[in-house]
Amino acid sequence: MNEDDPDLTVDEFVDYCRTQAGLLSGHIETIGAEADELLDEIDAEMAEIREQLDAGDGSIQATNVPESTDGPDEPAETGVDVAAIEEREADLESKQKLVEAKQARMRAYQDLAAGYTALAGELASDAEDGQAAMTRVVEFEAAEDAPAYFEEQTVLEAAVESTDGDGGE
């Protein structure tokens, strides 16, 4: 920060940290809703598979059961299309992996939001001035790789940009 820059206050960095935590919370809600939708799809698909298996009517994917390939003397199986069930199982496993990835992403966002909230409290109680607060925010964002979580520019990115001599857009 040079002498031409406006004085930044501790309160501005406290507000910034709280805003970042709020933005992360919004992302968490969105990701949670997406994960819930996938879980609902998985539950519906599982219920449908169970229903069709219980019925034993062979209607899974509405396919005809092929003749057995076990041998010429083996009778054709009736009832369940194993290939269709395996295909649906692979689809369910894929959806489950997406849910797990979304849950991991949510945990990462929650951890970062908690970090911003804690930092806001620390800044409010013991930051000496705006420069010291900015330094702590920059260090926090660098340690947590915070820019990866935001589309908007972070304090870290702005600080790096200003030290690179870019000075803005």
C-alpha atoms as a PDB file:
ATOM      1  CA  MET A   1       0.000   0.000   0.000  1.00  0.00           C
ATOM      2  CA  ASN A   2       1.495   3.371  -0.869  1.00  0.00           C
ATOM      3  CA  GLU A   3       0.761   6.882   0.409  1.00  0.00           C
ATOM      4  CA  ASP A   4      -1.717   7.553  -2.438  1.00  0.00           C
ATOM      5  CA  ASP A   5      -3.955   4.653  -1.389  1.00  0.00           C
ATOM      6  CA  PRO A   6      -6.901   5.448   0.862  1.00  0.00           C
ATOM      7  CA  ASP A   7      -6.557   4.350   4.457  1.00  0.00           C
ATOM      8  CA  LEU A   8      -8.221   1.021   4.951  1.00  0.00           C
ATOM      9  CA  THR A   9      -9.723   0.257   8.316  1.00  0.00           C
ATOM     10  CA  VAL A  10      -9.829  -2.880  10.367  1.00  0.00           C
ATOM     11  CA  ASP A  11     -13.627  -2.749  10.178  1.00  0.00           C
ATOM     12  CA  GLU A  12     -13.485  -2.907   6.375  1.00  0.00           C
ATOM     13  CA  PHE A  13     -11.453  -6.120   6.553  1.00  0.00           C
ATOM     14  CA  VAL A  14     -13.760  -7.547   9.234  1.00  0.00           C
ATOM     15  CA  ASP A  15     -16.713  -6.823   6.930  1.00  0.00           C
ATOM     16  CA  TYR A  16     -14.818  -8.318   3.980  1.00  0.00           C
ATOM     17  CA  CYS A  17     -14.168 -11.557   5.900  1.00  0.00           C
ATOM     18  CA  ARG A  18     -17.808 -11.788   6.950  1.00  0.00           C
ATOM     19  CA  THR A  19     -18.913 -11.136   3.371  1.00  0.00           C
ATOM     20  CA  GLN A  20     -16.611 -13.864   2.062  1.00  0.00           C
ATOM     21  CA  ALA A  21     -17.984 -16.289   4.667  1.00  0.00           C
ATOM     22  CA  GLY A  22     -21.516 -15.366   3.576  1.00  0.00           C
ATOM     23  CA  LEU A  23     -20.692 -15.941  -0.093  1.00  0.00           C
ATOM     24  CA  LEU A  24     -19.226 -19.317   0.772  1.00  0.00           C
ATOM     25  CA  SER A  25     -22.375 -20.178   2.736  1.00  0.00           C
ATOM     26  CA  GLY A  26     -24.436 -19.405  -0.359  1.00  0.00           C
ATOM     27  CA  HIS A  27     -22.242 -21.728  -2.407  1.00  0.00           C
ATOM     28  CA  ILE A  28     -22.658 -24.414   0.264  1.00  0.00           C
ATOM     29  CA  GLU A  29     -26.455 -24.120   0.047  1.00  0.00           C
ATOM     30  CA  THR A  30     -26.349 -24.403  -3.743  1.00  0.00           C
ATOM     31  CA  ILE A  31     -24.057 -27.427  -3.678  1.00  0.00           C
ATOM     32  CA  GLY A  32     -26.209 -28.980  -0.951  1.00  0.00           C
ATOM     33  CA  ALA A  33     -29.339 -28.562  -3.046  1.00  0.00           C
ATOM     34  CA  GLU A  34     -27.582 -30.185  -6.019  1.00  0.00           C
ATOM     35  CA  ALA A  35     -26.457 -33.083  -3.829  1.00  0.00           C
ATOM     36  CA  ASP A  36     -29.986 -33.472  -2.433  1.00  0.00           C
ATOM     37  CA  GLU A  37     -31.397 -33.654  -5.965  1.00  0.00           C
ATOM     38  CA  LEU A  38     -28.922 -36.394  -6.854  1.00  0.00           C
ATOM     39  CA  LEU A  39     -29.764 -38.287  -3.676  1.00  0.00           C
ATOM     40  CA  ASP A  40     -33.476 -38.032  -4.502  1.00  0.00           C
ATOM     41  CA  GLU A  41     -32.748 -39.420  -7.985  1.00  0.00           C
ATOM     42  CA  ILE A  42     -30.750 -42.280  -6.443  1.00  0.00           C
ATOM     43  CA  ASP A  43     -33.547 -43.066  -3.980  1.00  0.00           C
ATOM     44  CA  ALA A  44     -36.187 -43.032  -6.727  1.00  0.00           C
ATOM     45  CA  GLU A  45     -34.081 -45.248  -8.973  1.00  0.00           C
ATOM     46  CA  MET A  46     -33.414 -47.699  -6.129  1.00  0.00           C
ATOM     47  CA  ALA A  47     -37.120 -47.845  -5.275  1.00  0.00           C
ATOM     48  CA  GLU A  48     -37.973 -48.505  -8.911  1.00  0.00           C
ATOM     49  CA  ILE A  49     -35.381 -51.267  -9.174  1.00  0.00           C
ATOM     50  CA  ARG A  50     -36.605 -52.878  -5.939  1.00  0.00           C
ATOM     51  CA  GLU A  51     -40.200 -52.698  -7.133  1.00  0.00           C
ATOM     52  CA  GLN A  52     -39.346 -54.331 -10.443  1.00  0.00           C
ATOM     53  CA  LEU A  53     -37.245 -57.016  -8.786  1.00  0.00           C
ATOM     54  CA  ASP A  54     -39.992 -57.739  -6.263  1.00  0.00           C
ATOM     55  CA  ALA A  55     -42.529 -57.982  -9.058  1.00  0.00           C
ATOM     56  CA  GLY A  56     -40.244 -60.367 -10.910  1.00  0.00           C
ATOM     57  CA  ASP A  57     -41.990 -59.396 -14.095  1.00  0.00           C
ATOM     58  CA  GLY A  58     -38.842 -58.806 -16.124  1.00  0.00           C
ATOM     59  CA  SER A  59     -39.933 -55.290 -16.963  1.00  0.00           C
ATOM     60  CA  ILE A  60     -36.643 -53.631 -16.102  1.00  0.00           C
ATOM     61  CA  GLN A  61     -35.838 -51.439 -19.076  1.00  0.00           C
ATOM     62  CA  ALA A  62     -38.746 -53.199 -20.795  1.00  0.00           C
ATOM     63  CA  THR A  63     -36.403 -55.632 -22.508  1.00  0.00           C
ATOM     64  CA  ASN A  64     -36.913 -59.204 -23.498  1.00  0.00           C
ATOM     65  CA  VAL A  65     -34.856 -61.742 -21.593  1.00  0.00           C
ATOM     66  CA  PRO A  66     -32.422 -63.359 -24.014  1.00  0.00           C
ATOM     67  CA  GLU A  67     -31.900 -67.058 -24.220  1.00  0.00           C
ATOM     68  CA  SER A  68     -29.236 -68.380 -21.882  1.00  0.00           C
ATOM     69  CA  THR A  69     -25.695 -68.440 -23.184  1.00  0.00           C
ATOM     70  CA  ASP A  70     -24.630 -70.991 -20.581  1.00  0.00           C
ATOM     71  CA  GLY A  71     -25.078 -73.859 -22.970  1.00  0.00           C
ATOM     72  CA  PRO A  72     -27.470 -75.421 -25.425  1.00  0.00           C
ATOM     73  CA  ASP A  73     -29.218 -77.524 -22.815  1.00  0.00           C
ATOM     74  CA  GLU A  74     -29.733 -74.683 -20.324  1.00  0.00           C
ATOM     75  CA  PRO A  75     -33.241 -73.264 -20.188  1.00  0.00           C
ATOM     76  CA  ALA A  76     -33.674 -69.526 -20.756  1.00  0.00           C
ATOM     77  CA  GLU A  77     -33.881 -67.489 -17.564  1.00  0.00           C
ATOM     78  CA  THR A  78     -37.053 -65.603 -16.969  1.00  0.00           C
ATOM     79  CA  GLY A  79     -37.822 -62.525 -14.987  1.00  0.00           C
ATOM     80  CA  VAL A  80     -34.823 -60.245 -14.519  1.00  0.00           C
ATOM     81  CA  ASP A  81     -32.690 -58.539 -17.153  1.00  0.00           C
ATOM     82  CA  VAL A  82     -29.309 -58.661 -15.422  1.00  0.00           C
ATOM     83  CA  ALA A  83     -27.611 -56.463 -18.025  1.00  0.00           C
ATOM     84  CA  ALA A  84     -30.196 -53.735 -17.510  1.00  0.00           C
ATOM     85  CA  ILE A  85     -29.757 -53.901 -13.749  1.00  0.00           C
ATOM     86  CA  GLU A  86     -25.973 -53.723 -14.113  1.00  0.00           C
ATOM     87  CA  GLU A  87     -26.341 -50.677 -16.350  1.00  0.00           C
ATOM     88  CA  ARG A  88     -28.585 -48.981 -13.833  1.00  0.00           C
ATOM     89  CA  GLU A  89     -26.211 -49.931 -11.035  1.00  0.00           C
ATOM     90  CA  ALA A  90     -23.312 -48.281 -12.900  1.00  0.00           C
ATOM     91  CA  ASP A  91     -25.432 -45.141 -13.317  1.00  0.00           C
ATOM     92  CA  LEU A  92     -26.272 -45.156  -9.613  1.00  0.00           C
ATOM     93  CA  GLU A  93     -22.606 -45.588  -8.679  1.00  0.00           C
ATOM     94  CA  SER A  94     -21.721 -42.643 -10.905  1.00  0.00           C
ATOM     95  CA  LYS A  95     -24.358 -40.491  -9.229  1.00  0.00           C
ATOM     96  CA  GLN A  96     -23.139 -41.607  -5.803  1.00  0.00           C
ATOM     97  CA  LYS A  97     -19.588 -40.536  -6.688  1.00  0.00           C
ATOM     98  CA  LEU A  98     -20.943 -37.136  -7.747  1.00  0.00           C
ATOM     99  CA  VAL A  99     -22.722 -36.823  -4.405  1.00  0.00           C
ATOM    100  CA  GLU A 100     -19.522 -37.720  -2.547  1.00  0.00           C
ATOM    101  CA  ALA A 101     -17.565 -35.133  -4.560  1.00  0.00           C
ATOM    102  CA  LYS A 102     -20.199 -32.484  -3.794  1.00  0.00           C
ATOM    103  CA  GLN A 103     -20.091 -33.382  -0.100  1.00  0.00           C
ATOM    104  CA  ALA A 104     -16.289 -33.052  -0.072  1.00  0.00           C
ATOM    105  CA  ARG A 105     -16.594 -29.693  -1.825  1.00  0.00           C
ATOM    106  CA  MET A 106     -19.166 -28.569   0.733  1.00  0.00           C
ATOM    107  CA  ARG A 107     -16.804 -29.517   3.588  1.00  0.00           C
ATOM    108  CA  ALA A 108     -14.001 -27.507   1.963  1.00  0.00           C
ATOM    109  CA  TYR A 109     -16.284 -24.478   1.571  1.00  0.00           C
ATOM    110  CA  GLN A 110     -17.492 -24.872   5.179  1.00  0.00           C
ATOM    111  CA  ASP A 111     -13.913 -24.997   6.450  1.00  0.00           C
ATOM    112  CA  LEU A 112     -12.985 -21.859   4.525  1.00  0.00           C
ATOM    113  CA  ALA A 113     -16.133 -20.036   5.674  1.00  0.00           C
ATOM    114  CA  ALA A 114     -15.323 -20.958   9.274  1.00  0.00           C
ATOM    115  CA  GLY A 115     -11.792 -19.676   8.749  1.00  0.00           C
ATOM    116  CA  TYR A 116     -13.039 -16.350   7.420  1.00  0.00           C
ATOM    117  CA  THR A 117     -15.467 -16.048  10.340  1.00  0.00           C
ATOM    118  CA  ALA A 118     -12.713 -16.774  12.854  1.00  0.00           C
ATOM    119  CA  LEU A 119     -10.392 -14.323  11.111  1.00  0.00           C
ATOM    120  CA  ALA A 120     -13.072 -11.611  11.255  1.00  0.00           C
ATOM    121  CA  GLY A 121     -13.318 -12.133  15.020  1.00  0.00           C
ATOM    122  CA  GLU A 122      -9.555 -12.032  15.432  1.00  0.00           C
ATOM    123  CA  LEU A 123      -9.226  -8.873  13.351  1.00  0.00           C
ATOM    124  CA  ALA A 124     -11.999  -7.164  15.277  1.00  0.00           C
ATOM    125  CA  SER A 125     -10.357  -7.923  18.600  1.00  0.00           C
ATOM    126  CA  ASP A 126      -6.652  -7.530  17.974  1.00  0.00           C
ATOM    127  CA  ALA A 127      -5.680  -6.033  14.605  1.00  0.00           C
ATOM    128  CA  GLU A 128      -3.636  -2.903  15.152  1.00  0.00           C
ATOM    129  CA  ASP A 129      -4.635  -1.067  11.977  1.00  0.00           C
ATOM    130  CA  GLY A 130      -5.927  -1.540   8.453  1.00  0.00           C
ATOM    131  CA  GLN A 131      -2.478  -2.449   7.102  1.00  0.00           C
ATOM    132  CA  ALA A 132      -2.023  -5.171   9.712  1.00  0.00           C
ATOM    133  CA  ALA A 133      -5.542  -6.468   9.006  1.00  0.00           C
ATOM    134  CA  MET A 134      -4.862  -6.564   5.282  1.00  0.00           C
ATOM    135  CA  THR A 135      -1.628  -8.462   5.844  1.00  0.00           C
ATOM    136  CA  ARG A 136      -3.427 -11.074   7.923  1.00  0.00           C
ATOM    137  CA  VAL A 137      -6.180 -11.437   5.306  1.00  0.00           C
ATOM    138  CA  VAL A 138      -3.606 -11.840   2.524  1.00  0.00           C
ATOM    139  CA  GLU A 139      -1.694 -14.448   4.543  1.00  0.00           C
ATOM    140  CA  PHE A 140      -4.920 -16.317   5.342  1.00  0.00           C
ATOM    141  CA  GLU A 141      -6.091 -16.334   1.723  1.00  0.00           C
ATOM    142  CA  ALA A 142      -2.684 -17.502   0.513  1.00  0.00           C
ATOM    143  CA  ALA A 143      -2.563 -20.322   3.075  1.00  0.00           C
ATOM    144  CA  GLU A 144      -6.114 -21.448   2.270  1.00  0.00           C
ATOM    145  CA  ASP A 145      -5.905 -20.957  -1.527  1.00  0.00           C
ATOM    146  CA  ALA A 146      -9.017 -18.798  -1.163  1.00  0.00           C
ATOM    147  CA  PRO A 147      -9.023 -17.394  -4.732  1.00  0.00           C
ATOM    148  CA  ALA A 148      -9.862 -20.875  -6.016  1.00  0.00           C
ATOM    149  CA  TYR A 149     -13.240 -20.633  -4.265  1.00  0.00           C
ATOM    150  CA  PHE A 150     -14.359 -17.293  -5.685  1.00  0.00           C
ATOM    151  CA  GLU A 151     -15.153 -15.825  -9.070  1.00  0.00           C
ATOM    152  CA  GLU A 152     -14.697 -12.337  -7.618  1.00  0.00           C
ATOM    153  CA  GLN A 153     -11.270 -10.917  -6.881  1.00  0.00           C
ATOM    154  CA  THR A 154      -9.960 -11.572  -3.387  1.00  0.00           C
ATOM    155  CA  VAL A 155      -7.755  -9.302  -1.302  1.00  0.00           C
ATOM    156  CA  LEU A 156      -4.851 -11.662  -2.044  1.00  0.00           C
ATOM    157  CA  GLU A 157      -5.354 -11.305  -5.789  1.00  0.00           C
ATOM    158  CA  ALA A 158      -5.650  -7.526  -5.501  1.00  0.00           C
ATOM    159  CA  ALA A 159      -2.456  -7.394  -3.428  1.00  0.00           C
ATOM    160  CA  VAL A 160      -0.570  -9.559  -5.919  1.00  0.00           C
ATOM    161  CA  GLU A 161      -1.870  -7.459  -8.792  1.00  0.00           C
ATOM    162  CA  SER A 162      -0.756  -4.240  -7.116  1.00  0.00           C
ATOM    163  CA  THR A 163       2.728  -5.603  -6.353  1.00  0.00           C
ATOM    164  CA  ASP A 164       3.096  -6.836  -9.941  1.00  0.00           C
ATOM    165  CA  GLY A 165       2.652  -3.242 -11.080  1.00  0.00           C
ATOM    166  CA  ASP A 166      -0.560  -4.007 -12.970  1.00  0.00           C
ATOM    167  CA  GLY A 167      -2.354  -1.460 -10.833  1.00  0.00           C
ATOM    168  CA  GLY A 168      -5.815  -2.508 -12.031  1.00  0.00           C
ATOM    169  CA  GLU A 169      -7.741  -3.344 -15.111  1.00  0.00           C
END
